[in-house]
N, C-alpha and C. Protein backbone atom coordinates (compact mmCIF):
# COMPACT_ATOMS: atom_id res chain seq x y z
N MET A 1 0.85 -1.17 0.00
CA MET A 1 0.00 0.00 0.00
C MET A 1 0.89 1.23 0.00
N GLN A 2 0.74 2.07 -1.01
CA GLN A 2 1.58 3.25 -1.09
C GLN A 2 0.92 4.48 -0.50
N ALA A 3 -0.41 4.45 -0.40
CA ALA A 3 -1.10 5.61 0.16
C ALA A 3 -0.74 5.77 1.63
N HIS A 4 -0.78 7.03 2.09
CA HIS A 4 -0.42 7.29 3.49
C HIS A 4 -1.60 7.08 4.43
N SER A 5 -2.78 6.89 3.89
CA SER A 5 -3.94 6.64 4.75
C SER A 5 -4.97 5.84 3.98
N CYS A 6 -5.93 5.31 4.70
CA CYS A 6 -7.02 4.60 4.05
C CYS A 6 -8.29 4.83 4.84
N LYS A 7 -9.44 4.74 4.19
CA LYS A 7 -10.72 4.93 4.85
C LYS A 7 -11.16 3.63 5.48
N VAL A 8 -11.70 3.73 6.67
CA VAL A 8 -12.21 2.56 7.38
C VAL A 8 -13.67 2.81 7.71
N GLY A 9 -14.54 1.92 7.24
CA GLY A 9 -15.95 2.07 7.54
C GLY A 9 -16.59 3.29 6.90
N GLY A 10 -15.91 3.90 5.97
CA GLY A 10 -16.48 5.01 5.23
C GLY A 10 -16.36 6.35 5.93
N ASP A 11 -16.07 6.37 7.22
CA ASP A 11 -16.05 7.66 7.91
C ASP A 11 -14.84 7.86 8.81
N ARG A 12 -13.92 6.92 8.81
CA ARG A 12 -12.72 7.08 9.63
C ARG A 12 -11.49 6.91 8.76
N VAL A 13 -10.48 7.69 9.05
CA VAL A 13 -9.22 7.59 8.31
C VAL A 13 -8.11 7.24 9.30
N TYR A 14 -7.38 6.19 8.99
CA TYR A 14 -6.24 5.77 9.81
C TYR A 14 -4.96 6.10 9.06
N GLN A 15 -4.04 6.76 9.73
CA GLN A 15 -2.72 6.96 9.15
C GLN A 15 -1.99 5.62 9.12
N SER A 16 -1.08 5.47 8.17
CA SER A 16 -0.36 4.20 8.05
C SER A 16 0.38 3.85 9.33
N GLU A 17 0.86 4.86 10.07
CA GLU A 17 1.55 4.59 11.33
C GLU A 17 0.60 3.97 12.36
N GLN A 18 -0.68 4.38 12.34
CA GLN A 18 -1.66 3.81 13.26
C GLN A 18 -1.94 2.35 12.92
N LEU A 19 -1.96 2.04 11.63
CA LEU A 19 -2.21 0.66 11.23
C LEU A 19 -1.12 -0.26 11.76
N LEU A 20 0.10 0.26 11.89
CA LEU A 20 1.20 -0.56 12.39
C LEU A 20 1.03 -0.91 13.87
N THR A 21 0.17 -0.18 14.58
CA THR A 21 -0.02 -0.45 16.01
C THR A 21 -1.09 -1.50 16.28
N LEU A 22 -1.78 -1.97 15.24
CA LEU A 22 -2.80 -2.99 15.44
C LEU A 22 -2.18 -4.25 16.02
N LYS A 23 -2.90 -4.88 16.93
CA LYS A 23 -2.35 -6.02 17.65
C LYS A 23 -2.60 -7.34 16.93
N HIS A 24 -1.82 -8.33 17.35
CA HIS A 24 -1.95 -9.69 16.84
C HIS A 24 -3.40 -10.15 16.99
N ASP A 25 -3.93 -10.82 15.97
CA ASP A 25 -5.30 -11.36 15.93
C ASP A 25 -6.39 -10.29 15.76
N THR A 26 -6.02 -9.05 15.44
CA THR A 26 -7.03 -8.04 15.12
C THR A 26 -7.79 -8.48 13.87
N GLU A 27 -9.12 -8.41 13.92
CA GLU A 27 -9.93 -8.79 12.77
C GLU A 27 -10.24 -7.57 11.93
N LEU A 28 -10.05 -7.69 10.63
CA LEU A 28 -10.27 -6.59 9.70
C LEU A 28 -11.23 -7.02 8.61
N LYS A 29 -12.10 -6.11 8.20
CA LYS A 29 -12.94 -6.33 7.03
C LYS A 29 -12.53 -5.27 6.02
N VAL A 30 -12.03 -5.69 4.88
CA VAL A 30 -11.46 -4.77 3.90
C VAL A 30 -12.27 -4.84 2.61
N SER A 31 -12.67 -3.68 2.11
CA SER A 31 -13.34 -3.64 0.81
C SER A 31 -12.70 -2.55 -0.04
N PHE A 32 -12.68 -2.78 -1.34
CA PHE A 32 -12.05 -1.86 -2.27
C PHE A 32 -13.05 -1.44 -3.34
N GLU A 33 -13.03 -0.15 -3.67
CA GLU A 33 -13.79 0.35 -4.81
C GLU A 33 -12.85 1.21 -5.64
N VAL A 34 -12.94 1.06 -6.94
CA VAL A 34 -12.14 1.89 -7.84
C VAL A 34 -13.09 2.85 -8.53
N LEU A 35 -12.91 4.12 -8.25
CA LEU A 35 -13.77 5.15 -8.83
C LEU A 35 -13.04 5.81 -9.99
N PRO A 36 -13.46 5.57 -11.21
CA PRO A 36 -12.79 6.17 -12.36
C PRO A 36 -13.08 7.66 -12.44
N SER A 37 -12.28 8.34 -13.20
CA SER A 37 -12.48 9.76 -13.42
C SER A 37 -13.83 10.00 -14.09
N PRO A 38 -14.55 11.07 -13.69
CA PRO A 38 -15.86 11.36 -14.30
C PRO A 38 -15.78 11.57 -15.81
N THR A 39 -14.61 11.95 -16.30
CA THR A 39 -14.48 12.21 -17.74
C THR A 39 -14.20 10.95 -18.54
N SER A 40 -13.96 9.83 -17.86
CA SER A 40 -13.69 8.59 -18.59
C SER A 40 -14.98 7.82 -18.79
N ASN A 41 -14.93 6.83 -19.65
CA ASN A 41 -16.11 6.00 -19.88
C ASN A 41 -16.00 4.67 -19.13
N LEU A 42 -15.14 4.60 -18.12
CA LEU A 42 -14.96 3.37 -17.36
C LEU A 42 -16.04 3.26 -16.28
N ALA A 43 -16.40 2.03 -15.95
CA ALA A 43 -17.42 1.79 -14.94
C ALA A 43 -16.79 1.63 -13.55
N LEU A 44 -17.59 1.87 -12.52
CA LEU A 44 -17.17 1.64 -11.14
C LEU A 44 -16.84 0.16 -10.96
N VAL A 45 -15.72 -0.11 -10.30
CA VAL A 45 -15.32 -1.49 -10.03
C VAL A 45 -15.38 -1.72 -8.53
N ILE A 46 -16.14 -2.73 -8.10
CA ILE A 46 -16.24 -3.07 -6.68
C ILE A 46 -15.70 -4.48 -6.48
N PHE A 47 -14.72 -4.61 -5.60
CA PHE A 47 -14.11 -5.91 -5.33
C PHE A 47 -14.82 -6.58 -4.15
N SER A 48 -14.73 -7.88 -4.09
CA SER A 48 -15.33 -8.63 -2.99
C SER A 48 -14.69 -8.22 -1.66
N THR A 49 -15.50 -8.23 -0.60
CA THR A 49 -15.01 -7.90 0.73
C THR A 49 -14.11 -9.03 1.25
N LEU A 50 -13.01 -8.64 1.85
CA LEU A 50 -12.08 -9.60 2.44
C LEU A 50 -12.20 -9.56 3.96
N ASN A 51 -12.32 -10.71 4.58
CA ASN A 51 -12.28 -10.81 6.04
C ASN A 51 -10.90 -11.34 6.43
N LEU A 52 -10.15 -10.52 7.15
CA LEU A 52 -8.76 -10.85 7.46
C LEU A 52 -8.55 -10.86 8.97
N LYS A 53 -7.57 -11.63 9.40
CA LYS A 53 -7.13 -11.60 10.79
C LYS A 53 -5.63 -11.32 10.78
N LEU A 54 -5.25 -10.24 11.46
CA LEU A 54 -3.86 -9.81 11.46
C LEU A 54 -3.01 -10.78 12.27
N LYS A 55 -1.93 -11.23 11.70
CA LYS A 55 -1.00 -12.12 12.39
C LYS A 55 0.36 -11.44 12.47
N ALA A 56 0.93 -11.43 13.66
CA ALA A 56 2.28 -10.90 13.79
C ALA A 56 3.25 -11.82 13.05
N PRO A 57 4.35 -11.29 12.55
CA PRO A 57 5.32 -12.15 11.87
C PRO A 57 5.80 -13.26 12.80
N LEU A 58 6.15 -14.39 12.23
CA LEU A 58 6.65 -15.50 13.05
C LEU A 58 7.97 -15.15 13.70
N ILE A 59 8.79 -14.37 12.99
CA ILE A 59 10.08 -13.94 13.53
C ILE A 59 10.27 -12.46 13.18
N THR A 60 10.69 -11.67 14.14
CA THR A 60 11.11 -10.30 13.84
C THR A 60 12.54 -10.12 14.33
N LEU A 61 13.23 -9.21 13.69
CA LEU A 61 14.64 -8.97 13.97
C LEU A 61 14.84 -7.53 14.42
N GLU A 62 15.85 -7.30 15.22
CA GLU A 62 16.22 -5.94 15.60
C GLU A 62 17.74 -5.83 15.64
N ASP A 63 18.27 -4.89 14.83
CA ASP A 63 19.72 -4.71 14.76
C ASP A 63 20.16 -3.32 15.24
N PHE A 64 19.22 -2.50 15.69
CA PHE A 64 19.50 -1.19 16.29
C PHE A 64 20.13 -0.19 15.33
N GLU A 65 20.03 -0.44 14.03
CA GLU A 65 20.65 0.47 13.06
C GLU A 65 19.96 1.82 13.01
N THR A 66 18.72 1.93 13.51
CA THR A 66 18.02 3.21 13.51
C THR A 66 18.37 4.06 14.74
N GLY A 67 19.20 3.53 15.63
CA GLY A 67 19.54 4.24 16.86
C GLY A 67 20.44 5.44 16.62
N LYS A 68 20.28 6.46 17.45
CA LYS A 68 21.13 7.65 17.39
C LYS A 68 22.37 7.40 18.24
N LEU A 69 23.54 7.59 17.63
CA LEU A 69 24.80 7.34 18.33
C LEU A 69 24.96 8.27 19.53
N GLY A 70 25.65 7.78 20.55
CA GLY A 70 25.97 8.63 21.69
C GLY A 70 25.55 8.05 23.03
N ASP A 71 25.91 8.79 24.09
CA ASP A 71 25.65 8.36 25.46
C ASP A 71 24.16 8.43 25.79
N LYS A 72 23.70 7.48 26.60
CA LYS A 72 22.31 7.42 27.04
C LYS A 72 22.30 7.30 28.57
N PRO A 73 21.95 8.36 29.28
CA PRO A 73 21.96 8.30 30.75
C PRO A 73 20.81 7.45 31.30
N VAL A 74 20.86 7.20 32.60
CA VAL A 74 19.80 6.44 33.27
C VAL A 74 18.45 7.10 32.99
N GLY A 75 17.45 6.29 32.68
CA GLY A 75 16.11 6.79 32.39
C GLY A 75 15.84 6.99 30.91
N THR A 76 16.88 6.92 30.08
CA THR A 76 16.68 7.08 28.64
C THR A 76 15.85 5.93 28.09
N VAL A 77 14.89 6.26 27.22
CA VAL A 77 14.07 5.26 26.53
C VAL A 77 14.36 5.39 25.04
N MET A 78 14.78 4.29 24.43
CA MET A 78 15.11 4.29 23.00
C MET A 78 14.14 3.38 22.27
N ASP A 79 13.41 3.95 21.31
CA ASP A 79 12.44 3.18 20.55
C ASP A 79 13.05 2.69 19.24
N PHE A 80 12.92 1.41 19.01
CA PHE A 80 13.36 0.78 17.77
C PHE A 80 12.16 0.05 17.16
N PRO A 81 12.24 -0.36 15.90
CA PRO A 81 11.07 -0.99 15.26
C PRO A 81 10.50 -2.19 16.00
N SER A 82 11.35 -3.03 16.60
CA SER A 82 10.86 -4.26 17.23
C SER A 82 11.01 -4.29 18.75
N ILE A 83 11.79 -3.36 19.29
CA ILE A 83 12.13 -3.37 20.72
C ILE A 83 12.22 -1.93 21.23
N THR A 84 11.83 -1.73 22.48
CA THR A 84 12.12 -0.48 23.18
C THR A 84 13.16 -0.79 24.25
N VAL A 85 14.23 0.02 24.30
CA VAL A 85 15.30 -0.19 25.28
C VAL A 85 15.26 0.93 26.31
N THR A 86 15.22 0.56 27.59
CA THR A 86 15.22 1.53 28.68
C THR A 86 16.46 1.32 29.53
N VAL A 87 17.19 2.41 29.79
CA VAL A 87 18.39 2.34 30.63
C VAL A 87 17.95 2.44 32.09
N LEU A 88 18.05 1.33 32.82
CA LEU A 88 17.58 1.29 34.21
C LEU A 88 18.65 1.75 35.20
N THR A 89 19.92 1.38 34.97
CA THR A 89 20.99 1.78 35.89
C THR A 89 22.26 2.10 35.12
N GLU A 90 23.11 2.88 35.73
CA GLU A 90 24.48 3.20 35.27
C GLU A 90 24.53 4.04 34.00
N GLY A 91 23.99 3.56 32.89
CA GLY A 91 24.07 4.27 31.62
C GLY A 91 24.38 3.32 30.49
N ALA A 92 24.37 3.84 29.26
CA ALA A 92 24.63 3.03 28.07
C ALA A 92 24.97 3.98 26.94
N ASP A 93 25.28 3.42 25.79
CA ASP A 93 25.39 4.22 24.58
C ASP A 93 25.11 3.35 23.37
N ILE A 94 24.81 4.03 22.28
CA ILE A 94 24.70 3.37 20.98
C ILE A 94 25.98 3.70 20.24
N GLN A 95 26.64 2.69 19.73
CA GLN A 95 27.92 2.95 19.06
C GLN A 95 28.07 2.09 17.82
N ASN A 96 28.89 2.59 16.92
CA ASN A 96 29.31 1.80 15.76
C ASN A 96 30.51 1.00 16.20
N ILE A 97 30.42 -0.30 16.13
CA ILE A 97 31.54 -1.13 16.59
C ILE A 97 32.38 -1.57 15.41
N ASP A 98 33.60 -1.96 15.70
CA ASP A 98 34.44 -2.52 14.65
C ASP A 98 33.95 -3.93 14.35
N ASN A 99 34.64 -4.61 13.46
CA ASN A 99 34.17 -5.95 13.05
C ASN A 99 34.73 -7.06 13.94
N TYR A 100 35.21 -6.72 15.12
CA TYR A 100 35.85 -7.71 15.98
C TYR A 100 34.88 -8.82 16.39
N PHE A 101 33.61 -8.45 16.62
CA PHE A 101 32.63 -9.42 17.10
C PHE A 101 31.74 -9.98 16.00
N GLU A 102 32.03 -9.67 14.73
CA GLU A 102 31.17 -10.19 13.65
C GLU A 102 31.22 -11.71 13.62
N PRO A 103 30.11 -12.39 13.24
CA PRO A 103 28.81 -11.83 12.83
C PRO A 103 27.85 -11.66 14.00
N ILE A 104 28.34 -11.82 15.23
CA ILE A 104 27.46 -11.73 16.39
C ILE A 104 26.91 -10.31 16.54
N THR A 105 27.76 -9.33 16.45
CA THR A 105 27.34 -7.93 16.48
C THR A 105 27.87 -7.25 15.23
N THR A 106 27.04 -6.42 14.63
CA THR A 106 27.40 -5.75 13.37
C THR A 106 26.85 -4.34 13.37
N GLY A 107 27.57 -3.41 12.75
CA GLY A 107 27.07 -2.04 12.65
C GLY A 107 26.86 -1.42 14.02
N LYS A 108 25.71 -0.79 14.21
CA LYS A 108 25.40 -0.18 15.50
C LYS A 108 25.00 -1.25 16.51
N SER A 109 25.38 -1.03 17.76
CA SER A 109 24.99 -1.97 18.82
C SER A 109 24.65 -1.18 20.08
N VAL A 110 23.95 -1.85 21.00
CA VAL A 110 23.67 -1.27 22.31
C VAL A 110 24.82 -1.65 23.23
N HIS A 111 25.38 -0.65 23.90
CA HIS A 111 26.60 -0.83 24.68
C HIS A 111 26.33 -0.38 26.12
N PRO A 112 25.91 -1.31 27.01
CA PRO A 112 25.67 -0.91 28.40
C PRO A 112 26.98 -0.56 29.11
N ALA A 113 26.90 0.38 30.03
CA ALA A 113 28.07 0.69 30.86
C ALA A 113 28.36 -0.51 31.76
N ALA A 114 29.57 -0.54 32.33
CA ALA A 114 29.96 -1.66 33.20
C ALA A 114 28.95 -1.82 34.33
N GLY A 115 28.37 -3.02 34.44
CA GLY A 115 27.42 -3.31 35.49
C GLY A 115 26.02 -2.76 35.28
N ALA A 116 25.77 -2.11 34.15
CA ALA A 116 24.46 -1.49 33.90
C ALA A 116 23.39 -2.54 33.65
N THR A 117 22.15 -2.17 33.97
CA THR A 117 20.99 -3.00 33.64
C THR A 117 20.13 -2.26 32.63
N LEU A 118 19.82 -2.93 31.53
CA LEU A 118 18.95 -2.38 30.50
C LEU A 118 17.71 -3.25 30.38
N ARG A 119 16.57 -2.61 30.14
CA ARG A 119 15.33 -3.37 29.91
C ARG A 119 15.00 -3.32 28.42
N PHE A 120 14.82 -4.51 27.84
CA PHE A 120 14.42 -4.65 26.44
C PHE A 120 12.95 -5.06 26.43
N THR A 121 12.09 -4.16 25.98
CA THR A 121 10.65 -4.41 25.92
C THR A 121 10.30 -4.81 24.49
N LEU A 122 9.82 -6.03 24.32
CA LEU A 122 9.48 -6.51 22.98
C LEU A 122 8.13 -5.94 22.57
N ILE A 123 8.02 -5.54 21.31
CA ILE A 123 6.75 -5.00 20.82
C ILE A 123 5.66 -6.06 20.95
N TYR A 124 5.98 -7.30 20.59
CA TYR A 124 5.05 -8.42 20.76
C TYR A 124 5.70 -9.44 21.70
N PRO A 125 4.95 -9.97 22.67
CA PRO A 125 5.51 -11.04 23.51
C PRO A 125 5.95 -12.22 22.66
N ALA A 126 7.09 -12.79 22.99
CA ALA A 126 7.69 -13.85 22.16
C ALA A 126 7.87 -15.14 22.95
N LYS A 127 7.81 -16.25 22.22
CA LYS A 127 8.05 -17.55 22.85
C LYS A 127 9.53 -17.74 23.16
N SER A 128 10.38 -17.19 22.29
CA SER A 128 11.82 -17.30 22.54
C SER A 128 12.53 -16.12 21.91
N ASN A 129 13.78 -15.95 22.32
CA ASN A 129 14.56 -14.79 21.89
C ASN A 129 16.01 -15.21 21.73
N ARG A 130 16.65 -14.58 20.75
CA ARG A 130 18.09 -14.82 20.55
C ARG A 130 18.76 -13.48 20.31
N PHE A 131 19.96 -13.30 20.88
CA PHE A 131 20.71 -12.08 20.62
C PHE A 131 22.20 -12.37 20.69
N GLY A 132 22.96 -11.47 20.08
CA GLY A 132 24.41 -11.59 20.11
C GLY A 132 25.01 -10.71 21.19
N ILE A 133 26.06 -11.21 21.83
CA ILE A 133 26.75 -10.44 22.86
C ILE A 133 28.25 -10.62 22.69
N GLY A 134 28.98 -9.53 22.86
CA GLY A 134 30.43 -9.59 22.82
C GLY A 134 31.00 -8.87 24.03
N ASN A 135 32.08 -9.40 24.59
CA ASN A 135 32.73 -8.79 25.74
C ASN A 135 34.22 -9.12 25.66
N TYR A 136 35.04 -8.09 25.52
CA TYR A 136 36.48 -8.31 25.32
C TYR A 136 37.11 -9.15 26.43
N PHE A 137 36.57 -9.05 27.65
CA PHE A 137 37.14 -9.79 28.77
C PHE A 137 36.35 -11.05 29.11
N ALA A 138 35.43 -11.42 28.22
CA ALA A 138 34.63 -12.65 28.36
C ALA A 138 33.88 -12.71 29.69
N ARG A 139 33.42 -11.57 30.16
CA ARG A 139 32.61 -11.54 31.39
C ARG A 139 31.17 -11.89 31.05
N ARG A 140 30.57 -12.76 31.82
CA ARG A 140 29.20 -13.18 31.58
C ARG A 140 28.20 -12.15 32.12
N SER A 141 27.15 -11.93 31.37
CA SER A 141 26.07 -11.05 31.81
C SER A 141 24.93 -11.89 32.37
N LYS A 142 24.02 -11.24 33.08
CA LYS A 142 22.84 -11.92 33.63
C LYS A 142 21.59 -11.36 32.97
N TYR A 143 20.54 -12.17 32.93
CA TYR A 143 19.27 -11.71 32.37
C TYR A 143 18.10 -12.23 33.20
N LYS A 144 17.01 -11.46 33.14
CA LYS A 144 15.73 -11.87 33.72
C LYS A 144 14.65 -11.57 32.70
N CYS A 145 13.76 -12.54 32.48
CA CYS A 145 12.68 -12.40 31.50
C CYS A 145 11.34 -12.37 32.23
N TYR A 146 10.46 -11.49 31.76
CA TYR A 146 9.17 -11.31 32.42
C TYR A 146 8.03 -11.38 31.41
N GLU A 147 6.85 -11.79 31.93
CA GLU A 147 5.62 -11.70 31.15
C GLU A 147 5.15 -10.25 31.13
N GLU A 148 4.02 -10.00 30.41
CA GLU A 148 3.46 -8.64 30.35
C GLU A 148 3.10 -8.11 31.73
N ASN A 149 2.66 -8.99 32.63
CA ASN A 149 2.28 -8.56 33.99
C ASN A 149 3.47 -8.53 34.94
N LEU A 150 4.68 -8.65 34.39
CA LEU A 150 5.94 -8.60 35.13
C LEU A 150 6.18 -9.80 36.05
N ASN A 151 5.43 -10.88 35.85
CA ASN A 151 5.78 -12.13 36.53
C ASN A 151 7.05 -12.69 35.89
N LEU A 152 7.97 -13.14 36.73
CA LEU A 152 9.23 -13.68 36.23
C LEU A 152 8.99 -14.97 35.46
N VAL A 153 9.54 -15.05 34.26
CA VAL A 153 9.44 -16.26 33.44
C VAL A 153 10.72 -17.08 33.55
N LYS A 154 11.85 -16.40 33.48
CA LYS A 154 13.13 -17.11 33.46
C LYS A 154 14.24 -16.16 33.86
N ALA A 155 15.26 -16.69 34.52
CA ALA A 155 16.44 -15.91 34.87
C ALA A 155 17.67 -16.78 34.66
N GLY A 156 18.77 -16.15 34.30
CA GLY A 156 19.99 -16.93 34.08
C GLY A 156 21.15 -16.04 33.71
N SER A 157 22.23 -16.67 33.30
CA SER A 157 23.43 -15.97 32.85
C SER A 157 23.72 -16.35 31.42
N THR A 158 24.41 -15.48 30.72
CA THR A 158 24.82 -15.82 29.36
C THR A 158 25.80 -16.99 29.44
N PRO A 159 25.90 -17.78 28.37
CA PRO A 159 26.79 -18.95 28.41
C PRO A 159 28.24 -18.56 28.67
N ILE A 160 29.02 -19.55 29.07
CA ILE A 160 30.46 -19.34 29.25
C ILE A 160 31.10 -19.15 27.88
N TYR A 161 31.93 -18.12 27.76
CA TYR A 161 32.62 -17.87 26.50
C TYR A 161 33.62 -18.99 26.24
N ASP A 162 33.73 -19.37 24.98
CA ASP A 162 34.68 -20.41 24.60
C ASP A 162 35.99 -19.73 24.24
N VAL A 163 36.44 -19.88 23.02
CA VAL A 163 37.70 -19.26 22.60
C VAL A 163 37.50 -17.78 22.31
N ALA A 164 36.46 -17.47 21.52
CA ALA A 164 36.19 -16.09 21.14
C ALA A 164 35.34 -15.39 22.20
N PRO A 165 35.56 -14.08 22.41
CA PRO A 165 34.80 -13.36 23.44
C PRO A 165 33.45 -12.85 22.93
N PHE A 166 32.77 -13.64 22.13
CA PHE A 166 31.44 -13.28 21.65
C PHE A 166 30.66 -14.55 21.38
N LEU A 167 29.33 -14.47 21.51
CA LEU A 167 28.51 -15.67 21.33
C LEU A 167 27.05 -15.29 21.15
N TRP A 168 26.25 -16.28 20.77
CA TRP A 168 24.80 -16.13 20.69
C TRP A 168 24.19 -16.58 22.01
N VAL A 169 23.17 -15.86 22.45
CA VAL A 169 22.42 -16.22 23.65
C VAL A 169 21.01 -16.60 23.23
N ASP A 170 20.58 -17.81 23.57
CA ASP A 170 19.24 -18.28 23.24
C ASP A 170 18.42 -18.38 24.52
N ILE A 171 17.28 -17.70 24.53
CA ILE A 171 16.38 -17.73 25.69
C ILE A 171 15.04 -18.27 25.22
N THR A 172 14.57 -19.32 25.85
CA THR A 172 13.26 -19.86 25.52
C THR A 172 12.35 -19.75 26.74
N GLU A 173 11.05 -19.73 26.46
CA GLU A 173 10.08 -19.57 27.55
C GLU A 173 9.91 -20.87 28.32
N THR A 174 9.24 -20.80 29.44
CA THR A 174 8.91 -22.01 30.20
C THR A 174 7.40 -22.10 30.36
N SER A 175 6.87 -23.31 30.33
CA SER A 175 5.44 -23.57 30.56
C SER A 175 4.52 -22.73 29.67
N ASN A 176 4.91 -22.60 28.41
CA ASN A 176 4.08 -21.88 27.43
C ASN A 176 3.82 -20.42 27.79
N ARG A 177 4.69 -19.82 28.58
CA ARG A 177 4.56 -18.41 28.91
C ARG A 177 5.41 -17.60 27.94
N LYS A 178 4.93 -16.40 27.60
CA LYS A 178 5.63 -15.59 26.62
C LYS A 178 6.41 -14.46 27.28
N ILE A 179 7.52 -14.11 26.66
CA ILE A 179 8.43 -13.09 27.18
C ILE A 179 8.06 -11.73 26.61
N LYS A 180 7.86 -10.75 27.48
CA LYS A 180 7.58 -9.37 27.06
C LYS A 180 8.76 -8.46 27.38
N PHE A 181 9.41 -8.68 28.53
CA PHE A 181 10.53 -7.85 28.98
C PHE A 181 11.75 -8.72 29.24
N ILE A 182 12.92 -8.22 28.84
CA ILE A 182 14.19 -8.87 29.18
C ILE A 182 15.09 -7.82 29.82
N ASP A 183 15.45 -8.04 31.08
CA ASP A 183 16.41 -7.17 31.76
C ASP A 183 17.78 -7.83 31.66
N ILE A 184 18.73 -7.12 31.07
CA ILE A 184 20.09 -7.64 30.92
C ILE A 184 21.03 -6.78 31.76
N THR A 185 21.79 -7.43 32.64
CA THR A 185 22.76 -6.75 33.49
C THR A 185 24.16 -7.11 33.02
N ASP A 186 24.92 -6.09 32.65
CA ASP A 186 26.27 -6.29 32.14
C ASP A 186 27.15 -6.97 33.18
N GLY A 187 28.08 -7.80 32.70
CA GLY A 187 28.93 -8.58 33.60
C GLY A 187 30.04 -7.81 34.27
N GLY A 188 30.23 -6.53 33.93
CA GLY A 188 31.23 -5.74 34.64
C GLY A 188 32.28 -5.09 33.77
N ASP A 189 32.34 -5.43 32.49
CA ASP A 189 33.35 -4.81 31.62
C ASP A 189 32.77 -4.36 30.29
N THR A 190 31.57 -3.85 30.31
CA THR A 190 30.87 -3.32 29.14
C THR A 190 30.81 -4.30 27.97
N SER A 191 29.61 -4.65 27.60
CA SER A 191 29.37 -5.60 26.52
C SER A 191 28.75 -4.88 25.33
N ASP A 192 28.73 -5.55 24.21
CA ASP A 192 27.98 -5.10 23.04
C ASP A 192 26.83 -6.06 22.82
N LEU A 193 25.61 -5.53 22.67
CA LEU A 193 24.41 -6.34 22.46
C LEU A 193 23.83 -5.99 21.10
N ASP A 194 23.46 -7.00 20.32
CA ASP A 194 23.01 -6.71 18.95
C ASP A 194 22.26 -7.91 18.39
N ASN A 195 21.62 -7.66 17.25
CA ASN A 195 21.00 -8.70 16.41
C ASN A 195 20.05 -9.61 17.19
N PHE A 196 19.03 -8.98 17.77
CA PHE A 196 17.98 -9.73 18.46
C PHE A 196 17.04 -10.36 17.44
N SER A 197 16.57 -11.55 17.72
CA SER A 197 15.51 -12.17 16.93
C SER A 197 14.46 -12.71 17.89
N MET A 198 13.20 -12.38 17.61
CA MET A 198 12.08 -12.80 18.45
C MET A 198 11.25 -13.81 17.69
N ILE A 199 10.98 -14.95 18.30
CA ILE A 199 10.20 -16.01 17.67
C ILE A 199 8.86 -16.10 18.39
N TYR A 200 7.76 -16.07 17.62
CA TYR A 200 6.41 -16.00 18.20
C TYR A 200 5.69 -17.33 18.16
């Protein structure tokens, strides 16, 4: 759809940005009419009504490339297409990293200060999550995952680093509960966090 808005029910107009806020399983009834120019000899075309149910993508990705570079003090809220990041303690920054941690982290990444805790709020609650983390001193970070009502789903530490000081972290839900918030606490020597993938 290239238009910036569309009519709903004949009397309401939704901006395309508002359509993006519709939730999973929203039911839509869509009808199309093509009104030719009055000066043409073409007839009105009416298409069959479509009954649709909005489904969130099975997987969404977030690489933080839309982030503004620079320091982010405590209380900063950063909105990204798939995740909102809130700096809970210490501070953080968005930075362009070198290729030392590729392919785990690439381009811009979220860089918590030493010992900082950041909250990653997923736009849609996910069954599981994966992200890349790099730490020059191979210090392990901790995480806590919560449901929408902030009940704890899972807590743990990132895996032990092997030879390279970067790795993938895989978090899955327990007992069919979905993850809405992930609090990540840096292990003490500033890490790079990047390339989140959420599976629904």
